[in-house]
Amino acid sequence: TDEEKAFLDRLARKLDISELDYNAILKD
């Protein structure tokens, strides 16, 4: 959901997940 996506975006920043890794994880 949009709320979950927003949460994942913030969580990725807090966990220091790069944009490249973030997109790779979301994709697979």
PDB file of all heavy atoms in Angstrom:
ATOM      1  N   THR A   1       0.837  -1.195   0.000  1.00  0.00           N
ATOM      2  CA  THR A   1       0.000   0.000   0.000  1.00  0.00           C
ATOM      3  C   THR A   1       0.874   1.246   0.000  1.00  0.00           C
ATOM      4  O   THR A   1       2.081   1.176   0.250  1.00  0.00           O
ATOM      5  CB  THR A   1      -0.920   0.028   1.229  1.00  0.00           C
ATOM      6  OG1 THR A   1      -0.109   0.164   2.405  1.00  0.00           O
ATOM      7  CG2 THR A   1      -1.785  -1.230   1.322  1.00  0.00           C
ATOM      8  N   ASP A   2       0.252   2.385  -0.273  1.00  0.00           N
ATOM      9  CA  ASP A   2       0.997   3.651  -0.248  1.00  0.00           C
ATOM     10  C   ASP A   2       1.613   3.891   1.126  1.00  0.00           C
ATOM     11  O   ASP A   2       2.753   4.355   1.230  1.00  0.00           O
ATOM     12  CB  ASP A   2       0.081   4.825  -0.615  1.00  0.00           C
ATOM     13  CG  ASP A   2      -0.338   4.797  -2.077  1.00  0.00           C
ATOM     14  OD1 ASP A   2       0.345   4.134  -2.895  1.00  0.00           O
ATOM     15  OD2 ASP A   2      -1.352   5.442  -2.404  1.00  0.00           O
ATOM     16  N   GLU A   3       0.859   3.565   2.183  1.00  0.00           N
ATOM     17  CA  GLU A   3       1.379   3.746   3.551  1.00  0.00           C
ATOM     18  C   GLU A   3       2.563   2.832   3.806  1.00  0.00           C
ATOM     19  O   GLU A   3       3.557   3.235   4.408  1.00  0.00           O
ATOM     20  CB  GLU A   3       0.276   3.484   4.589  1.00  0.00           C
ATOM     21  CG  GLU A   3      -0.828   4.508   4.603  1.00  0.00           C
ATOM     22  CD  GLU A   3      -1.963   4.166   3.630  1.00  0.00           C
ATOM     23  OE1 GLU A   3      -1.883   3.119   2.937  1.00  0.00           O
ATOM     24  OE2 GLU A   3      -2.922   4.958   3.551  1.00  0.00           O
ATOM     25  N   GLU A   4       2.459   1.566   3.357  1.00  0.00           N
ATOM     26  CA  GLU A   4       3.568   0.629   3.527  1.00  0.00           C
ATOM     27  C   GLU A   4       4.780   1.086   2.717  1.00  0.00           C
ATOM     28  O   GLU A   4       5.911   0.998   3.200  1.00  0.00           O
ATOM     29  CB  GLU A   4       3.145  -0.782   3.105  1.00  0.00           C
ATOM     30  CG  GLU A   4       2.148  -1.409   4.047  1.00  0.00           C
ATOM     31  CD  GLU A   4       1.555  -2.708   3.527  1.00  0.00           C
ATOM     32  OE1 GLU A   4       1.569  -2.937   2.290  1.00  0.00           O
ATOM     33  OE2 GLU A   4       1.055  -3.481   4.350  1.00  0.00           O
ATOM     34  N   LYS A   5       4.556   1.576   1.518  1.00  0.00           N
ATOM     35  CA  LYS A   5       5.661   2.063   0.674  1.00  0.00           C
ATOM     36  C   LYS A   5       6.372   3.230   1.344  1.00  0.00           C
ATOM     37  O   LYS A   5       7.610   3.286   1.380  1.00  0.00           O
ATOM     38  CB  LYS A   5       5.121   2.483  -0.700  1.00  0.00           C
ATOM     39  CG  LYS A   5       6.158   3.090  -1.627  1.00  0.00           C
ATOM     40  CD  LYS A   5       7.059   2.066  -2.235  1.00  0.00           C
ATOM     41  CE  LYS A   5       7.854   2.592  -3.411  1.00  0.00           C
ATOM     42  NZ  LYS A   5       8.976   3.413  -3.085  1.00  0.00           N
ATOM     43  N   ALA A   6       5.585   4.152   1.910  1.00  0.00           N
ATOM     44  CA  ALA A   6       6.186   5.292   2.606  1.00  0.00           C
ATOM     45  C   ALA A   6       6.996   4.812   3.807  1.00  0.00           C
ATOM     46  O   ALA A   6       8.095   5.309   4.069  1.00  0.00           O
ATOM     47  CB  ALA A   6       5.101   6.273   3.036  1.00  0.00           C
ATOM     48  N   PHE A   7       6.467   3.839   4.525  1.00  0.00           N
ATOM     49  CA  PHE A   7       7.188   3.273   5.666  1.00  0.00           C
ATOM     50  C   PHE A   7       8.482   2.608   5.202  1.00  0.00           C
ATOM     51  O   PHE A   7       9.542   2.802   5.802  1.00  0.00           O
ATOM     52  CB  PHE A   7       6.307   2.275   6.417  1.00  0.00           C
ATOM     53  CG  PHE A   7       7.026   1.546   7.509  1.00  0.00           C
ATOM     54  CD1 PHE A   7       7.379   2.204   8.681  1.00  0.00           C
ATOM     55  CD2 PHE A   7       7.368   0.215   7.367  1.00  0.00           C
ATOM     56  CE1 PHE A   7       8.051   1.538   9.692  1.00  0.00           C
ATOM     57  CE2 PHE A   7       8.041  -0.455   8.365  1.00  0.00           C
ATOM     58  CZ  PHE A   7       8.385   0.201   9.535  1.00  0.00           C
ATOM     59  N   LEU A   8       8.408   1.829   4.126  1.00  0.00           N
ATOM     60  CA  LEU A   8       9.606   1.168   3.600  1.00  0.00           C
ATOM     61  C   LEU A   8      10.651   2.177   3.162  1.00  0.00           C
ATOM     62  O   LEU A   8      11.849   1.970   3.386  1.00  0.00           O
ATOM     63  CB  LEU A   8       9.238   0.241   2.439  1.00  0.00           C
ATOM     64  CG  LEU A   8       8.427  -1.000   2.804  1.00  0.00           C
ATOM     65  CD1 LEU A   8       7.988  -1.731   1.535  1.00  0.00           C
ATOM     66  CD2 LEU A   8       9.199  -1.922   3.726  1.00  0.00           C
ATOM     67  N   ASP A   9      10.210   3.272   2.558  1.00  0.00           N
ATOM     68  CA  ASP A   9      11.141   4.331   2.153  1.00  0.00           C
ATOM     69  C   ASP A   9      11.901   4.876   3.369  1.00  0.00           C
ATOM     70  O   ASP A   9      13.119   5.034   3.341  1.00  0.00           O
ATOM     71  CB  ASP A   9      10.407   5.478   1.461  1.00  0.00           C
ATOM     72  CG  ASP A   9       9.836   5.107   0.104  1.00  0.00           C
ATOM     73  OD1 ASP A   9      10.212   4.040  -0.443  1.00  0.00           O
ATOM     74  OD2 ASP A   9       8.997   5.879  -0.398  1.00  0.00           O
ATOM     75  N   ARG A  10      11.155   5.178   4.426  1.00  0.00           N
ATOM     76  CA  ARG A  10      11.793   5.724   5.645  1.00  0.00           C
ATOM     77  C   ARG A  10      12.678   4.677   6.320  1.00  0.00           C
ATOM     78  O   ARG A  10      13.767   4.987   6.798  1.00  0.00           O
ATOM     79  CB  ARG A  10      10.726   6.246   6.607  1.00  0.00           C
ATOM     80  CG  ARG A  10      10.071   7.532   6.109  1.00  0.00           C
ATOM     81  CD  ARG A  10       9.115   8.114   7.122  1.00  0.00           C
ATOM     82  NE  ARG A  10       7.951   7.280   7.358  1.00  0.00           N
ATOM     83  CZ  ARG A  10       6.835   7.304   6.616  1.00  0.00           C
ATOM     84  NH1 ARG A  10       6.743   8.103   5.572  1.00  0.00           N
ATOM     85  NH2 ARG A  10       5.824   6.529   6.922  1.00  0.00           N
ATOM     86  N   LEU A  11      12.215   3.444   6.355  1.00  0.00           N
ATOM     87  CA  LEU A  11      12.996   2.376   6.963  1.00  0.00           C
ATOM     88  C   LEU A  11      14.307   2.163   6.216  1.00  0.00           C
ATOM     89  O   LEU A  11      15.363   1.984   6.831  1.00  0.00           O
ATOM     90  CB  LEU A  11      12.181   1.085   7.002  1.00  0.00           C
ATOM     91  CG  LEU A  11      12.835  -0.112   7.657  1.00  0.00           C
ATOM     92  CD1 LEU A  11      13.160   0.172   9.123  1.00  0.00           C
ATOM     93  CD2 LEU A  11      11.936  -1.332   7.533  1.00  0.00           C
ATOM     94  N   ALA A  12      14.253   2.210   4.899  1.00  0.00           N
ATOM     95  CA  ALA A  12      15.470   2.045   4.088  1.00  0.00           C
ATOM     96  C   ALA A  12      16.488   3.124   4.432  1.00  0.00           C
ATOM     97  O   ALA A  12      17.691   2.846   4.547  1.00  0.00           O
ATOM     98  CB  ALA A  12      15.128   2.075   2.602  1.00  0.00           C
ATOM     99  N   ARG A  13      16.025   4.350   4.600  1.00  0.00           N
ATOM    100  CA  ARG A  13      16.943   5.435   4.984  1.00  0.00           C
ATOM    101  C   ARG A  13      17.547   5.164   6.364  1.00  0.00           C
ATOM    102  O   ARG A  13      18.740   5.343   6.568  1.00  0.00           O
ATOM    103  CB  ARG A  13      16.221   6.775   4.968  1.00  0.00           C
ATOM    104  CG  ARG A  13      16.061   7.361   3.586  1.00  0.00           C
ATOM    105  CD  ARG A  13      15.592   8.806   3.609  1.00  0.00           C
ATOM    106  NE  ARG A  13      14.308   8.984   4.259  1.00  0.00           N
ATOM    107  CZ  ARG A  13      13.123   8.838   3.666  1.00  0.00           C
ATOM    108  NH1 ARG A  13      13.071   8.496   2.395  1.00  0.00           N
ATOM    109  NH2 ARG A  13      12.007   9.039   4.323  1.00  0.00           N
ATOM    110  N   LYS A  14      16.710   4.725   7.310  1.00  0.00           N
ATOM    111  CA  LYS A  14      17.201   4.474   8.672  1.00  0.00           C
ATOM    112  C   LYS A  14      18.186   3.313   8.721  1.00  0.00           C
ATOM    113  O   LYS A  14      19.103   3.304   9.537  1.00  0.00           O
ATOM    114  CB  LYS A  14      16.029   4.212   9.618  1.00  0.00           C
ATOM    115  CG  LYS A  14      15.205   5.452   9.867  1.00  0.00           C
ATOM    116  CD  LYS A  14      14.008   5.175  10.749  1.00  0.00           C
ATOM    117  CE  LYS A  14      13.165   6.431  10.868  1.00  0.00           C
ATOM    118  NZ  LYS A  14      11.964   6.228  11.664  1.00  0.00           N
ATOM    119  N   LEU A  15      17.981   2.327   7.852  1.00  0.00           N
ATOM    120  CA  LEU A  15      18.878   1.171   7.810  1.00  0.00           C
ATOM    121  C   LEU A  15      20.052   1.377   6.862  1.00  0.00           C
ATOM    122  O   LEU A  15      20.854   0.475   6.661  1.00  0.00           O
ATOM    123  CB  LEU A  15      18.098  -0.089   7.407  1.00  0.00           C
ATOM    124  CG  LEU A  15      17.061  -0.587   8.400  1.00  0.00           C
ATOM    125  CD1 LEU A  15      16.283  -1.767   7.820  1.00  0.00           C
ATOM    126  CD2 LEU A  15      17.705  -0.961   9.727  1.00  0.00           C
ATOM    127  N   ASP A  16      20.137   2.566   6.266  1.00  0.00           N
ATOM    128  CA  ASP A  16      21.223   2.921   5.355  1.00  0.00           C
ATOM    129  C   ASP A  16      21.273   1.981   4.144  1.00  0.00           C
ATOM    130  O   ASP A  16      22.342   1.532   3.734  1.00  0.00           O
ATOM    131  CB  ASP A  16      22.560   2.935   6.100  1.00  0.00           C
ATOM    132  CG  ASP A  16      23.607   3.748   5.366  1.00  0.00           C
ATOM    133  OD1 ASP A  16      23.226   4.675   4.618  1.00  0.00           O
ATOM    134  OD2 ASP A  16      24.810   3.450   5.526  1.00  0.00           O
ATOM    135  N   ILE A  17      20.097   1.718   3.573  1.00  0.00           N
ATOM    136  CA  ILE A  17      19.996   0.908   2.368  1.00  0.00           C
ATOM    137  C   ILE A  17      20.129   1.864   1.179  1.00  0.00           C
ATOM    138  O   ILE A  17      19.379   2.831   1.077  1.00  0.00           O
ATOM    139  CB  ILE A  17      18.630   0.181   2.297  1.00  0.00           C
ATOM    140  CG1 ILE A  17      18.349  -0.642   3.560  1.00  0.00           C
ATOM    141  CG2 ILE A  17      18.516  -0.661   1.034  1.00  0.00           C
ATOM    142  CD1 ILE A  17      19.242  -1.821   3.767  1.00  0.00           C
ATOM    143  N   SER A  18      21.075   1.587   0.299  1.00  0.00           N
ATOM    144  CA  SER A  18      21.272   2.464  -0.867  1.00  0.00           C
ATOM    145  C   SER A  18      20.061   2.370  -1.792  1.00  0.00           C
ATOM    146  O   SER A  18      19.305   1.394  -1.766  1.00  0.00           O
ATOM    147  CB  SER A  18      22.532   2.075  -1.631  1.00  0.00           C
ATOM    148  OG  SER A  18      22.325   0.857  -2.322  1.00  0.00           O
ATOM    149  N   GLU A  19      19.905   3.381  -2.655  1.00  0.00           N
ATOM    150  CA  GLU A  19      18.788   3.381  -3.607  1.00  0.00           C
ATOM    151  C   GLU A  19      18.885   2.181  -4.545  1.00  0.00           C
ATOM    152  O   GLU A  19      17.874   1.547  -4.868  1.00  0.00           O
ATOM    153  CB  GLU A  19      18.767   4.681  -4.397  1.00  0.00           C
ATOM    154  CG  GLU A  19      17.554   4.802  -5.291  1.00  0.00           C
ATOM    155  CD  GLU A  19      17.439   6.155  -5.974  1.00  0.00           C
ATOM    156  OE1 GLU A  19      18.124   7.113  -5.565  1.00  0.00           O
ATOM    157  OE2 GLU A  19      16.657   6.234  -6.933  1.00  0.00           O
ATOM    158  N   LEU A  20      20.099   1.852  -4.956  1.00  0.00           N
ATOM    159  CA  LEU A  20      20.305   0.707  -5.833  1.00  0.00           C
ATOM    160  C   LEU A  20      19.869  -0.589  -5.144  1.00  0.00           C
ATOM    161  O   LEU A  20      19.134  -1.402  -5.724  1.00  0.00           O
ATOM    162  CB  LEU A  20      21.779   0.632  -6.255  1.00  0.00           C
ATOM    163  CG  LEU A  20      22.163  -0.480  -7.213  1.00  0.00           C
ATOM    164  CD1 LEU A  20      21.495  -0.265  -8.574  1.00  0.00           C
ATOM    165  CD2 LEU A  20      23.672  -0.524  -7.377  1.00  0.00           C
ATOM    166  N   ASP A  21      20.328  -0.786  -3.896  1.00  0.00           N
ATOM    167  CA  ASP A  21      19.948  -1.985  -3.142  1.00  0.00           C
ATOM    168  C   ASP A  21      18.450  -1.994  -2.847  1.00  0.00           C
ATOM    169  O   ASP A  21      17.806  -3.040  -2.909  1.00  0.00           O
ATOM    170  CB  ASP A  21      20.742  -2.076  -1.836  1.00  0.00           C
ATOM    171  CG  ASP A  21      22.207  -2.390  -2.069  1.00  0.00           C
ATOM    172  OD1 ASP A  21      22.531  -2.974  -3.129  1.00  0.00           O
ATOM    173  OD2 ASP A  21      23.027  -2.049  -1.202  1.00  0.00           O
ATOM    174  N   TYR A  22      17.896  -0.837  -2.524  1.00  0.00           N
ATOM    175  CA  TYR A  22      16.470  -0.707  -2.246  1.00  0.00           C
ATOM    176  C   TYR A  22      15.647  -1.191  -3.440  1.00  0.00           C
ATOM    177  O   TYR A  22      14.742  -2.014  -3.296  1.00  0.00           O
ATOM    178  CB  TYR A  22      16.150   0.751  -1.927  1.00  0.00           C
ATOM    179  CG  TYR A  22      14.692   1.069  -1.715  1.00  0.00           C
ATOM    180  CD1 TYR A  22      14.099   0.902  -0.476  1.00  0.00           C
ATOM    181  CD2 TYR A  22      13.906   1.567  -2.755  1.00  0.00           C
ATOM    182  CE1 TYR A  22      12.761   1.215  -0.267  1.00  0.00           C
ATOM    183  CE2 TYR A  22      12.575   1.868  -2.561  1.00  0.00           C
ATOM    184  CZ  TYR A  22      12.004   1.693  -1.313  1.00  0.00           C
ATOM    185  OH  TYR A  22      10.682   1.998  -1.115  1.00  0.00           O
ATOM    186  N   ASN A  23      15.982  -0.687  -4.618  1.00  0.00           N
ATOM    187  CA  ASN A  23      15.245  -1.073  -5.825  1.00  0.00           C
ATOM    188  C   ASN A  23      15.421  -2.555  -6.138  1.00  0.00           C
ATOM    189  O   ASN A  23      14.474  -3.221  -6.559  1.00  0.00           O
ATOM    190  CB  ASN A  23      15.657  -0.208  -7.014  1.00  0.00           C
ATOM    191  CG  ASN A  23      15.178   1.221  -6.864  1.00  0.00           C
ATOM    192  OD1 ASN A  23      14.119   1.473  -6.285  1.00  0.00           O
ATOM    193  ND2 ASN A  23      15.953   2.164  -7.371  1.00  0.00           N
ATOM    194  N   ALA A  24      16.626  -3.081  -5.925  1.00  0.00           N
ATOM    195  CA  ALA A  24      16.882  -4.501  -6.174  1.00  0.00           C
ATOM    196  C   ALA A  24      16.077  -5.369  -5.211  1.00  0.00           C
ATOM    197  O   ALA A  24      15.518  -6.398  -5.613  1.00  0.00           O
ATOM    198  CB  ALA A  24      18.374  -4.799  -6.042  1.00  0.00           C
ATOM    199  N   ILE A  25      15.999  -4.958  -3.958  1.00  0.00           N
ATOM    200  CA  ILE A  25      15.245  -5.724  -2.963  1.00  0.00           C
ATOM    201  C   ILE A  25      13.751  -5.680  -3.288  1.00  0.00           C
ATOM    202  O   ILE A  25      13.070  -6.703  -3.232  1.00  0.00           O
ATOM    203  CB  ILE A  25      15.527  -5.208  -1.539  1.00  0.00           C
ATOM    204  CG1 ILE A  25      16.962  -5.553  -1.136  1.00  0.00           C
ATOM    205  CG2 ILE A  25      14.530  -5.795  -0.538  1.00  0.00           C
ATOM    206  CD1 ILE A  25      17.450  -4.860   0.120  1.00  0.00           C
ATOM    207  N   LEU A  26      13.237  -4.494  -3.631  1.00  0.00           N
ATOM    208  CA  LEU A  26      11.815  -4.406  -3.984  1.00  0.00           C
ATOM    209  C   LEU A  26      11.486  -5.260  -5.207  1.00  0.00           C
ATOM    210  O   LEU A  26      10.423  -5.877  -5.269  1.00  0.00           O
ATOM    211  CB  LEU A  26      11.404  -2.961  -4.240  1.00  0.00           C
ATOM    212  CG  LEU A  26      11.163  -2.094  -3.018  1.00  0.00           C
ATOM    213  CD1 LEU A  26      10.714  -0.696  -3.442  1.00  0.00           C
ATOM    214  CD2 LEU A  26      10.145  -2.694  -2.076  1.00  0.00           C
ATOM    215  N   LYS A  27      12.400  -5.275  -6.175  1.00  0.00           N
ATOM    216  CA  LYS A  27      12.161  -6.024  -7.401  1.00  0.00           C
ATOM    217  C   LYS A  27      12.191  -7.528  -7.151  1.00  0.00           C
ATOM    218  O   LYS A  27      11.386  -8.270  -7.704  1.00  0.00           O
ATOM    219  CB  LYS A  27      13.213  -5.641  -8.446  1.00  0.00           C
ATOM    220  CG  LYS A  27      13.024  -6.322  -9.775  1.00  0.00           C
ATOM    221  CD  LYS A  27      14.054  -5.857 -10.787  1.00  0.00           C
ATOM    222  CE  LYS A  27      13.856  -6.590 -12.101  1.00  0.00           C
ATOM    223  NZ  LYS A  27      14.858  -6.189 -13.076  1.00  0.00           N
ATOM    224  N   ASP A  28      13.131  -7.984  -6.309  1.00  0.00           N
ATOM    225  CA  ASP A  28      13.300  -9.424  -6.089  1.00  0.00           C
ATOM    226  C   ASP A  28      13.616  -9.710  -4.621  1.00  0.00           C
ATOM    227  O   ASP A  28      14.696 -10.180  -4.288  1.00  0.00           O
ATOM    228  CB  ASP A  28      14.410  -9.954  -6.998  1.00  0.00           C
ATOM    229  CG  ASP A  28      14.469 -11.466  -7.012  1.00  0.00           C
ATOM    230  OD1 ASP A  28      13.492 -12.128  -6.603  1.00  0.00           O
ATOM    231  OD2 ASP A  28      15.517 -11.997  -7.426  1.00  0.00           O
TER     232      ASP A  28
END
